Protein backbone atom coordinates (compact mmCIF):
# COMPACT_ATOMS: atom_id res chain seq x y z
CA UNK A 1 76.61 116.91 129.68
CA UNK A 2 79.10 114.04 129.94
CA UNK A 3 76.58 111.69 128.34
CA UNK A 4 76.07 114.13 125.46
CA UNK A 5 79.84 114.44 125.04
CA UNK A 6 80.29 110.66 124.83
CA UNK A 7 77.26 110.34 122.56
CA UNK A 8 78.61 112.89 120.07
CA UNK A 9 82.05 111.25 119.99
CA UNK A 10 80.43 107.85 119.46
CA UNK A 11 78.20 109.20 116.71
CA UNK A 12 81.12 110.92 115.01
CA UNK A 13 83.24 107.76 115.10
CA UNK A 14 80.33 105.68 113.77
CA UNK A 15 80.01 108.06 110.82
CA UNK A 16 83.62 107.34 109.93
CA UNK A 17 84.12 103.72 110.95
CA UNK A 18 80.63 102.33 110.42
CA UNK A 19 80.48 103.23 106.73
CA UNK A 20 80.93 100.86 103.81
CA UNK A 21 83.73 102.94 102.29
CA UNK A 22 85.81 102.59 105.48
CA UNK A 23 85.48 98.81 105.43
CA UNK A 24 86.13 98.59 101.69
CA UNK A 25 89.11 100.96 101.94
CA UNK A 26 90.66 98.93 104.75
CA UNK A 27 90.19 95.67 102.89
CA UNK A 28 91.94 97.25 99.88
CA UNK A 29 94.76 98.61 102.10
CA UNK A 30 95.28 95.19 103.70
CA UNK A 31 95.35 93.45 100.31
CA UNK A 32 97.80 96.03 98.91
CA UNK A 33 100.19 95.72 101.87
CA UNK A 34 100.14 91.93 101.78
CA UNK A 35 100.62 92.08 98.01
CA UNK A 36 103.56 94.50 98.22
CA UNK A 37 105.37 92.36 100.78
CA UNK A 38 104.86 89.26 98.62
CA UNK A 39 105.01 90.76 95.12
CA UNK A 40 107.63 88.28 93.89
CA UNK A 41 105.46 85.28 94.84
CA UNK A 42 102.41 86.84 93.18
CA UNK A 43 104.30 87.47 89.94
CA UNK A 44 105.62 83.90 90.02
CA UNK A 45 102.12 82.52 90.56
CA UNK A 46 100.86 84.32 87.44
CA UNK A 47 103.73 83.14 85.29
CA UNK A 48 106.50 85.54 86.27
CA UNK A 49 110.13 84.48 86.18
CA UNK A 50 111.35 85.31 89.69
CA UNK A 51 111.87 81.62 90.39
CA UNK A 52 112.42 80.36 86.82
CA UNK A 53 115.50 78.16 86.76
CA UNK A 54 118.23 79.33 84.40
CA UNK A 55 120.38 76.44 83.22
CA UNK A 56 123.91 77.32 82.13
CA UNK A 57 125.54 74.65 79.95
CA UNK A 58 129.31 74.97 80.22
CA UNK A 59 131.57 73.77 77.39
CA UNK A 60 134.89 73.54 79.20
CA UNK A 61 137.95 73.40 76.97
CA UNK A 62 140.44 74.12 79.76
CA UNK A 63 139.34 71.57 82.37
CA UNK A 64 138.41 74.28 84.91
CA UNK A 65 134.69 73.50 85.27
CA UNK A 66 134.87 72.35 88.91
CA UNK A 67 136.63 75.52 90.06
CA UNK A 68 134.31 77.70 88.00
CA UNK A 69 131.18 75.96 89.34
CA UNK A 70 132.40 76.27 92.94
CA UNK A 71 133.12 79.99 92.57
CA UNK A 72 129.88 80.71 90.64
CA UNK A 73 127.65 78.87 93.12
CA UNK A 74 129.28 80.55 96.12
CA UNK A 75 128.69 84.00 94.60
CA UNK A 76 125.07 83.16 93.69
CA UNK A 77 124.46 81.85 97.21
CA UNK A 78 125.88 85.02 98.79
CA UNK A 79 123.37 87.05 96.73
CA UNK A 80 120.51 84.68 97.67
CA UNK A 81 120.14 83.74 93.98
CA UNK A 82 118.80 80.19 93.88
CA UNK A 83 117.57 80.10 90.28
CA UNK A 84 120.79 78.95 88.59
CA UNK A 85 121.88 75.47 87.60
CA UNK A 86 125.28 74.71 86.08
CA UNK A 87 125.89 71.66 83.88
CA UNK A 88 129.11 70.58 82.22
CA UNK A 89 128.34 69.51 78.66
CA UNK A 90 130.25 67.36 76.17
CA UNK A 91 127.97 68.34 73.31
CA UNK A 92 129.07 70.72 70.57
CA UNK A 93 128.13 74.37 70.42
CA UNK A 94 125.87 73.68 67.44
CA UNK A 95 123.97 70.95 69.30
CA UNK A 96 123.42 73.10 72.40
CA UNK A 97 122.40 76.26 70.53
CA UNK A 98 120.03 74.49 68.14
CA UNK A 99 117.14 74.46 70.61
CA UNK A 100 117.73 77.74 72.48
CA UNK A 101 114.67 79.31 70.82
CA UNK A 102 112.46 76.61 72.34
CA UNK A 103 113.83 77.09 75.87
CA UNK A 104 114.53 80.73 76.72
CA UNK A 105 115.94 79.81 80.16
CA UNK A 106 119.01 78.05 78.72
CA UNK A 107 122.39 79.71 78.34
CA UNK A 108 125.52 78.26 76.77
CA UNK A 109 128.93 79.27 78.15
CA UNK A 110 132.12 78.36 76.33
CA UNK A 111 135.36 78.53 78.32
CA UNK A 112 138.34 78.53 75.99
CA UNK A 113 141.99 79.55 75.95
CA UNK A 114 143.21 82.94 74.81
CA UNK A 115 146.79 83.64 73.80
CA UNK A 116 146.69 87.21 75.10
CA UNK A 117 144.52 86.92 78.22
CA UNK A 118 144.99 83.25 79.18
CA UNK A 119 141.23 82.65 79.18
CA UNK A 120 138.18 83.73 77.21
CA UNK A 121 134.47 83.24 77.73
CA UNK A 122 131.63 83.20 75.24
CA UNK A 123 127.96 83.45 76.26
CA UNK A 124 125.31 82.27 73.80
CA UNK A 125 121.59 82.76 74.44
CA UNK A 126 118.44 83.37 72.44
CA UNK A 127 117.40 86.50 74.35
CA UNK A 128 119.52 89.11 76.14
CA UNK A 129 121.15 87.71 79.29
CA UNK A 130 120.46 89.66 82.50
CA UNK A 131 123.15 91.87 84.03
CA UNK A 132 123.31 89.79 87.23
CA UNK A 133 124.00 86.63 85.24
CA UNK A 134 126.69 88.40 83.20
CA UNK A 135 128.37 89.74 86.34
CA UNK A 136 128.35 86.34 88.06
CA UNK A 137 129.89 84.63 85.05
CA UNK A 138 132.44 87.42 84.47
CA UNK A 139 133.54 87.53 88.12
CA UNK A 140 133.95 83.74 88.31
CA UNK A 141 135.92 83.61 85.05
CA UNK A 142 138.24 86.34 86.33
CA UNK A 143 138.93 84.28 89.45
CA UNK A 144 139.66 81.22 87.32
CA UNK A 145 141.99 83.30 85.19
CA UNK A 146 143.92 84.33 88.32
CA UNK A 147 144.29 80.68 89.29
CA UNK A 148 145.57 79.76 85.79
CA UNK A 149 148.15 82.55 85.92
CA UNK A 150 149.29 81.39 89.36
CA UNK A 151 149.67 77.77 88.24
CA UNK A 152 151.67 78.72 85.13
CA UNK A 153 154.06 80.67 87.33
CA UNK A 154 154.52 77.68 89.70
CA UNK A 155 153.12 79.44 92.73
CA UNK A 156 152.54 77.41 95.86
CA UNK A 157 149.10 76.85 97.37
CA UNK A 158 149.82 79.47 100.03
CA UNK A 159 150.97 81.98 97.42
CA UNK A 160 147.89 81.27 95.30
CA UNK A 161 145.64 81.80 98.31
CA UNK A 162 147.42 85.04 99.13
CA UNK A 163 147.07 86.14 95.50
CA UNK A 164 143.36 85.36 95.17
CA UNK A 165 142.23 86.34 98.69
CA UNK A 166 140.52 89.72 99.06
CA UNK A 167 142.53 92.69 100.23
CA UNK A 168 142.02 93.63 103.88
CA UNK A 169 141.16 97.30 104.06
CA UNK A 170 141.30 99.11 107.38
CA UNK A 171 139.02 102.14 107.41
CA UNK A 172 139.76 104.99 109.82
CA UNK A 173 137.32 107.88 109.58
CA UNK A 174 138.68 110.96 111.32
CA UNK A 175 135.37 112.79 110.97
CA UNK A 176 133.10 110.92 113.37
CA UNK A 177 130.24 113.15 112.32
CA UNK A 178 129.64 111.06 109.19
CA UNK A 179 127.16 112.97 107.06
CA UNK A 180 126.55 110.18 104.54
CA UNK A 181 125.69 107.62 107.24
CA UNK A 182 123.55 110.11 109.12
CA UNK A 183 121.69 110.99 105.95
CA UNK A 184 120.97 107.30 105.36
CA UNK A 185 119.80 106.88 108.94
CA UNK A 186 117.63 110.00 108.79
CA UNK A 187 115.88 108.70 105.67
CA UNK A 188 115.10 105.52 107.62
CA UNK A 189 113.66 107.54 110.49
CA UNK A 190 111.61 109.58 108.02
CA UNK A 191 110.11 106.45 106.48
CA UNK A 192 109.45 104.69 109.78
CA UNK A 193 108.08 107.56 111.87
CA UNK A 194 107.66 110.91 110.15
CA UNK A 195 106.02 109.85 106.89
CA UNK A 196 103.17 107.95 108.62
CA UNK A 197 102.50 111.00 110.83
CA UNK A 198 102.48 113.24 107.75
CA UNK A 199 99.91 111.00 106.03
CA UNK A 200 97.76 110.65 109.16
CA UNK A 201 97.60 114.41 109.70
CA UNK A 202 96.56 114.86 106.07
CA UNK A 203 93.76 112.35 106.70
CA UNK A 204 92.84 114.13 109.94
CA UNK A 205 92.41 117.49 108.22
CA UNK A 206 90.24 116.00 105.50
CA UNK A 207 88.02 114.05 107.91
CA UNK A 208 87.18 117.03 110.16
CA UNK A 209 86.43 119.28 107.21
CA UNK A 210 84.21 116.71 105.53
CA UNK A 211 82.19 115.98 108.67
CA UNK A 212 81.55 119.62 109.65
CA UNK A 213 80.65 120.53 106.07
CA UNK A 214 78.25 117.61 105.94
CA UNK A 215 76.48 118.75 109.11
CA UNK A 216 76.22 122.32 107.85
CA UNK A 217 74.98 121.35 104.38
CA UNK A 218 72.25 119.10 105.83
CA UNK A 219 71.32 121.77 108.45
CA UNK A 220 71.72 119.16 111.21
CA UNK A 221 74.20 121.55 112.83
CA UNK A 222 71.32 123.75 114.05
CA UNK A 223 69.71 120.82 115.89
CA UNK A 224 73.00 119.75 117.47
CA UNK A 225 73.96 123.24 118.68
CA UNK A 226 70.52 123.74 120.19
CA UNK A 227 71.22 120.78 122.48
CA UNK A 228 74.95 121.14 123.27
CA UNK A 229 77.25 124.16 123.65
CA UNK A 230 79.54 124.95 120.68
CA UNK A 231 82.58 124.29 122.86
CA UNK A 232 81.50 120.70 123.55
CA UNK A 233 80.66 120.17 119.91
CA UNK A 234 84.07 121.53 118.88
CA UNK A 235 85.89 119.25 121.33
CA UNK A 236 83.99 116.18 120.19
CA UNK A 237 84.93 116.86 116.56
CA UNK A 238 88.61 117.20 117.45
CA UNK A 239 88.76 114.16 119.73
CA UNK A 240 86.72 111.89 117.47
CA UNK A 241 88.88 112.78 114.47
CA UNK A 242 92.08 112.07 116.41
CA UNK A 243 90.64 108.77 117.69
CA UNK A 244 89.75 107.83 114.11
CA UNK A 245 93.30 108.56 112.93
CA UNK A 246 94.74 106.48 115.79
CA UNK A 247 92.42 103.59 114.93
CA UNK A 248 93.26 103.81 111.23
CA UNK A 249 96.99 104.01 111.94
CA UNK A 250 96.79 100.99 114.26
CA UNK A 251 94.92 99.00 111.62
CA UNK A 252 97.56 99.79 108.99
CA UNK A 253 100.26 98.69 111.42
CA UNK A 254 98.38 95.42 112.01
CA UNK A 255 98.07 94.86 108.24
CA UNK A 256 101.83 95.37 107.86
CA UNK A 257 102.53 92.85 110.64
CA UNK A 258 100.21 90.32 109.00
CA UNK A 259 102.02 90.89 105.68
CA UNK A 260 105.36 90.23 107.43
CA UNK A 261 104.04 87.03 109.00
CA UNK A 262 102.63 85.79 105.68
CA UNK A 263 105.99 86.35 104.01
CA UNK A 264 107.78 84.51 106.81
CA UNK A 265 105.37 81.55 106.43
CA UNK A 266 105.85 81.47 102.64
CA UNK A 267 109.63 81.98 102.49
CA UNK A 268 110.77 80.98 105.93
CA UNK A 269 112.46 84.39 106.20
CA UNK A 270 112.16 88.01 105.10
CA UNK A 271 114.48 87.65 102.11
CA UNK A 272 113.44 90.89 100.43
CA UNK A 273 114.62 93.99 102.25
CA UNK A 274 116.23 92.06 105.10
CA UNK A 275 119.73 93.24 104.31
CA UNK A 276 118.63 96.87 104.04
CA UNK A 277 116.64 96.68 107.26
CA UNK A 278 119.52 95.09 109.14
CA UNK A 279 122.01 97.63 107.83
CA UNK A 280 119.70 100.50 108.80
CA UNK A 281 119.31 99.16 112.34
CA UNK A 282 123.07 98.64 112.62
CA UNK A 283 123.70 102.15 111.29
CA UNK A 284 121.33 103.66 113.87
CA UNK A 285 123.12 101.75 116.65
CA UNK A 286 126.59 102.72 115.40
CA UNK A 287 125.77 106.42 115.20
CA UNK A 288 124.27 106.40 118.69
CA UNK A 289 120.88 107.45 117.30
CA UNK A 290 118.98 104.72 119.16
CA UNK A 291 120.16 105.87 122.60
CA UNK A 292 119.32 109.51 121.91
CA UNK A 293 115.91 108.60 120.52
CA UNK A 294 115.08 106.57 123.63
CA UNK A 295 115.80 109.62 125.79
CA UNK A 296 113.61 111.87 123.68
CA UNK A 297 110.73 109.53 122.80
CA UNK A 298 108.39 110.72 125.63
CA UNK A 299 108.93 114.36 124.58
CA UNK A 300 108.53 113.50 120.88
CA UNK A 301 105.22 111.72 121.61
CA UNK A 302 103.93 114.80 123.47
CA UNK A 303 105.08 116.97 120.54
CA UNK A 304 103.16 114.74 118.12
CA UNK A 305 100.01 114.98 120.29
CA UNK A 306 100.19 118.78 120.41
CA UNK A 307 100.76 118.91 116.64
CA UNK A 308 97.81 116.63 115.90
CA UNK A 309 95.62 118.76 118.16
CA UNK A 310 96.80 121.97 116.47
CA UNK A 311 96.00 120.68 112.98
CA UNK A 312 92.63 119.34 114.17
CA UNK A 313 91.72 122.68 115.79
CA UNK A 314 92.69 124.77 112.76
CA UNK A 315 90.96 122.48 110.26
CA UNK A 316 87.81 122.47 112.42
CA UNK A 317 87.84 126.29 112.64
CA UNK A 318 88.33 126.66 108.88
CA UNK A 319 85.57 124.16 108.15
CA UNK A 320 83.14 126.03 110.42
CA UNK A 321 83.52 129.17 108.28
CA UNK A 322 82.62 127.40 105.03
CA UNK A 323 79.36 126.19 103.57
CA UNK A 324 80.71 123.68 101.02
CA UNK A 325 83.57 121.24 100.54
CA UNK A 326 84.97 123.43 97.76
CA UNK A 327 85.27 126.42 100.12
CA UNK A 328 87.01 124.25 102.72
CA UNK A 329 89.50 122.98 100.12
CA UNK A 330 90.44 126.59 99.35
CA UNK A 331 90.82 127.59 103.00
CA UNK A 332 92.89 124.51 103.91
CA UNK A 333 95.40 125.09 101.10
CA UNK A 334 97.74 127.23 103.31
CA UNK A 335 97.56 124.48 105.94
CA UNK A 336 98.68 121.82 103.48
CA UNK A 337 101.46 124.06 102.12
CA UNK A 338 102.84 124.45 105.67
CA UNK A 339 102.68 120.67 106.17
CA UNK A 340 104.49 119.93 102.88
CA UNK A 341 107.08 122.64 103.64
CA UNK A 342 107.89 120.99 106.97
CA UNK A 343 108.19 117.60 105.31
CA UNK A 344 110.69 118.81 102.70
CA UNK A 345 112.70 120.73 105.30
CA UNK A 346 112.98 117.47 107.26
CA UNK A 347 114.29 115.74 104.14
CA UNK A 348 116.93 118.44 103.71
CA UNK A 349 118.00 118.43 107.37
CA UNK A 350 121.11 116.30 106.76
CA UNK A 351 121.98 117.78 103.37
CA UNK A 352 122.28 121.21 105.00
CA UNK A 353 123.71 119.98 108.29
CA UNK A 354 124.10 122.77 110.83
CA UNK A 355 121.79 125.09 108.92
CA UNK A 356 120.62 127.90 111.21
CA UNK A 357 117.45 128.34 109.13
CA UNK A 358 116.39 124.69 109.55
CA UNK A 359 117.20 124.77 113.26
CA UNK A 360 115.09 127.91 113.75
CA UNK A 361 112.30 126.32 111.67
CA UNK A 362 112.31 123.33 114.05
CA UNK A 363 110.91 125.62 116.79
CA UNK A 364 107.96 126.74 114.65
CA UNK A 365 104.67 125.02 115.57
CA UNK A 366 102.91 123.06 112.81
CA UNK A 367 106.23 121.90 111.31
CA UNK A 368 108.30 121.27 114.47
CA UNK A 369 106.97 117.70 114.81
CA UNK A 370 108.50 116.88 111.41
CA UNK A 371 111.84 118.63 111.94
CA UNK A 372 112.71 118.30 115.63
CA UNK A 373 112.78 114.47 115.89
CA UNK A 374 115.15 114.25 112.90
CA UNK A 375 117.46 116.99 114.20
CA UNK A 376 117.42 115.50 117.70
CA UNK A 377 118.26 112.00 116.44
CA UNK A 378 121.18 113.40 114.44
CA UNK A 379 122.46 115.42 117.38
CA UNK A 380 121.74 118.82 115.85
CA UNK A 381 119.43 119.86 118.69
CA UNK A 382 119.69 118.99 122.38
CA UNK A 383 117.09 117.44 124.69
CA UNK A 384 116.54 120.87 126.29
CA UNK A 385 115.84 122.39 122.86
CA UNK A 386 113.44 119.53 122.09
CA UNK A 387 111.58 120.20 125.35
CA UNK A 388 111.48 123.93 124.51
CA UNK A 389 110.05 123.13 121.06
CA UNK A 390 107.36 120.95 122.65
CA UNK A 391 106.51 123.72 125.13
CA UNK A 392 106.16 126.28 122.33
CA UNK A 393 103.90 123.90 120.41
CA UNK A 394 101.77 123.33 123.54
CA UNK A 395 101.34 127.07 124.13
CA UNK A 396 100.52 127.57 120.45
CA UNK A 397 97.88 124.82 120.61
CA UNK A 398 96.26 126.40 123.66
CA UNK A 399 96.15 129.86 122.01
CA UNK A 400 94.62 128.63 118.74
CA UNK A 401 92.03 126.66 120.71
CA UNK A 402 91.09 129.74 122.75
CA UNK A 403 90.71 132.06 119.76
CA UNK A 404 89.63 129.31 117.38
CA UNK A 405 86.66 128.54 119.62
CA UNK A 406 85.43 132.13 119.16
CA UNK A 407 85.51 131.72 115.39
CA UNK A 408 83.86 128.32 115.64
CA UNK A 409 80.93 129.64 117.72
CA UNK A 410 80.19 132.27 115.08
CA UNK A 411 80.98 130.18 112.02
CA UNK A 412 79.02 126.98 112.57
CA UNK A 413 75.66 128.74 112.27
CA UNK A 414 76.75 131.23 109.62
CA UNK A 415 75.79 130.04 106.13
CA UNK A 416 77.01 133.10 104.26
CA UNK A 417 79.73 132.31 101.70
CA UNK A 418 80.82 135.94 101.29
CA UNK A 419 84.03 137.45 102.72
CA UNK A 420 85.15 134.38 104.64
CA UNK A 421 88.41 135.91 105.82
CA UNK A 422 86.61 139.09 106.99
CA UNK A 423 84.24 136.99 109.09
CA UNK A 424 87.18 135.07 110.47
CA UNK A 425 89.03 138.13 111.76
CA UNK A 426 85.82 139.68 113.17
CA UNK A 427 85.15 136.46 115.06
CA UNK A 428 88.60 136.59 116.68
CA UNK A 429 87.78 140.02 118.15
CA UNK A 430 84.48 138.75 119.53
CA UNK A 431 84.56 138.04 123.27
CA UNK A 432 83.88 134.48 124.24
C-alpha cells in the first residue's frame, strides 16, 4: 500500500511539474521578476531616458554659480540623481536657446537680480521640465537667496550658518501605539508573507479541482479506485497538491533572489526600493514587531499548514462531486469569496484597530491564517490567543477531513450532474 501511495503522489506531481506549460510558465515568471527588478535598465537599453544626462547651462548675473552648483549637486546626490550636469555659460540667452530643439536634454537657467525678492530665476527649455528638476533648481535658488540676504545684512559666518541650517525638531509621541506606523508595517507584512500565501492557496484550489476533474472526465478514476482505497487516493491528491505549491513557491523565491543578485551585479547596489525596504525593516524593529513575530513564527507556520490542508480537503471534496470544470468553478465560488473576505479583513485590521468583529473573525478557520498573524504582530492578539486560533483550525481541519472523506468516497464514482448539493448532504450522513 505504501508503494501505491508513493506512486500516486509521484504520478500526480509529474502531471503538474512534468508538463510543458509548467516549464513555460516558470520561464515566463522568472523573466518577469528579473525584468521588474531591472526595469530601469531595460528601458534605458531600448532608448529610455532613465540615464539620459540633462545639462543645465547657467547664465549667472549675480556671481553665485559656485554656491548654487554646490547646493544643487548635494541635493541631487542625496536623491541618488546622477543624470545632471551643471555648466556656467558666458554665452547669451539667444545663443543658448537657439539649438534647444535639436537637443531636448538641455536646459537654460538664468540667475538674475530682483528688486523685490533679491533674486529671480528663469528656466528655458524646449519641452516641459520635469518636476524633480524644477524642485531641485527652486530649492537651491532659495538657499542662495538666503545667503544673499544674510550678506547684505552683514551677518557673520556663524550667523549665516545658524540662519541657513535646518531647524532641529524634537518629536515626542505620547501615544506609543502609533497607528500610522503600525499600518505601514502591517502592509509590509501583508506583502511579504500573507499575499504569497493567498496566491498559493488560490493555485492549490485550482490544481486539485483540475486534476480530479480530469481523472473523472477520462474515466481513469474507475481504474485507480479499483486498485487503491478512496482514502489513500484522497490523501495523495491533497499531499501532492501541497507539495506542488511548496515547490512552485520555492521556485518563485529563487527567481526573486536571482533578480536581486542580477540588480546588484548591474548597479553595485539595490538603488530602487532600498530606502523603502530599510525604512520598513527599521519600523518593524522600532515597533517591536520583529520580537513578537519571532515568538509566534512556529505557531503561525502550523496555522498556515492547517489552513492549506483545509483548503485542499474542501476543494478536493467539491471537485469529487462534479463532472466538469464548469461545475467545479461554480462550487468553489463560496470558497474563493471566503478567501477574499479574509484578505480584505486583514487589510483593514489596522484601520479599525481594536475592532471586536475583526478579532472574532481571526478565530474563524479558513480566514484565521490571514488575520491572526497581522493582529499578533501588531499586538492586538496575544500568543495564547494565537495558539487557540491554531488549535481551532486544527480541529476544523480534522472534522472536514473526516466528513469530507465520506463525500469523496461517494462522489468520485458518481457522474450525475443533477442536484449536487443534495448529493453532498446525503453523503455526509453516510457512515464511513
